[in-house]
Amino acid sequence: MATWIVGGALLVIVGAIVYKMIKDKKANKNSCGCDCSNCAGGCH
């Protein structure tokens, strides 16, 4: 039973992280901030 609880908690955490990443991408935010020279792939 504890395995299911821990697995569910991890699933919620990962889901929240993915949701935030998608939300930030739609808002044209990126992980490099304003300085795109620091991005590995450049500006998107």
C-alpha atoms as a PDB file:
ATOM      1  CA  MET A   1       0.000   0.000   0.000  1.00  0.00           C
ATOM      2  CA  ALA A   2       2.826   2.409   0.813  1.00  0.00           C
ATOM      3  CA  THR A   3       4.279   1.841  -2.657  1.00  0.00           C
ATOM      4  CA  TRP A   4       1.044   3.087  -4.234  1.00  0.00           C
ATOM      5  CA  ILE A   5       1.004   6.182  -2.018  1.00  0.00           C
ATOM      6  CA  VAL A   6       4.622   7.082  -2.804  1.00  0.00           C
ATOM      7  CA  GLY A   7       4.097   6.367  -6.505  1.00  0.00           C
ATOM      8  CA  GLY A   8       0.987   8.548  -6.572  1.00  0.00           C
ATOM      9  CA  ALA A   9       2.813  11.392  -4.829  1.00  0.00           C
ATOM     10  CA  LEU A  10       5.677  11.187  -7.336  1.00  0.00           C
ATOM     11  CA  LEU A  11       3.199  11.144 -10.211  1.00  0.00           C
ATOM     12  CA  VAL A  12       1.541  14.316  -8.895  1.00  0.00           C
ATOM     13  CA  ILE A  13       4.902  16.069  -8.499  1.00  0.00           C
ATOM     14  CA  VAL A  14       6.095  15.110 -11.983  1.00  0.00           C
ATOM     15  CA  GLY A  15       2.741  16.130 -13.441  1.00  0.00           C
ATOM     16  CA  ALA A  16       2.967  19.542 -11.777  1.00  0.00           C
ATOM     17  CA  ILE A  17       6.487  20.076 -13.136  1.00  0.00           C
ATOM     18  CA  VAL A  18       5.443  19.126 -16.668  1.00  0.00           C
ATOM     19  CA  TYR A  19       2.364  21.364 -16.406  1.00  0.00           C
ATOM     20  CA  LYS A  20       4.508  24.321 -15.346  1.00  0.00           C
ATOM     21  CA  MET A  21       6.999  23.713 -18.160  1.00  0.00           C
ATOM     22  CA  ILE A  22       4.191  23.633 -20.748  1.00  0.00           C
ATOM     23  CA  LYS A  23       2.577  26.736 -19.244  1.00  0.00           C
ATOM     24  CA  ASP A  24       5.911  28.617 -19.303  1.00  0.00           C
ATOM     25  CA  LYS A  25       6.580  27.570 -22.893  1.00  0.00           C
ATOM     26  CA  LYS A  26       3.176  28.868 -23.990  1.00  0.00           C
ATOM     27  CA  ALA A  27       3.962  32.166 -22.222  1.00  0.00           C
ATOM     28  CA  ASN A  28       7.245  32.362 -24.214  1.00  0.00           C
ATOM     29  CA  LYS A  29       9.389  31.991 -21.118  1.00  0.00           C
ATOM     30  CA  ASN A  30      12.569  30.003 -21.372  1.00  0.00           C
ATOM     31  CA  SER A  31      15.085  28.642 -18.928  1.00  0.00           C
ATOM     32  CA  CYS A  32      17.918  30.976 -19.978  1.00  0.00           C
ATOM     33  CA  GLY A  33      16.115  34.186 -19.013  1.00  0.00           C
ATOM     34  CA  CYS A  34      16.793  37.192 -21.221  1.00  0.00           C
ATOM     35  CA  ASP A  35      20.358  36.268 -22.157  1.00  0.00           C
ATOM     36  CA  CYS A  36      19.925  33.810 -25.006  1.00  0.00           C
ATOM     37  CA  SER A  37      23.685  33.456 -25.507  1.00  0.00           C
ATOM     38  CA  ASN A  38      23.596  31.135 -22.464  1.00  0.00           C
ATOM     39  CA  CYS A  39      21.088  28.777 -24.097  1.00  0.00           C
ATOM     40  CA  ALA A  40      22.448  25.668 -25.745  1.00  0.00           C
ATOM     41  CA  GLY A  41      19.940  25.891 -28.597  1.00  0.00           C
ATOM     42  CA  GLY A  42      19.749  29.687 -28.821  1.00  0.00           C
ATOM     43  CA  CYS A  43      16.510  31.632 -28.681  1.00  0.00           C
ATOM     44  CA  HIS A  44      13.270  29.940 -29.665  1.00  0.00           C
END
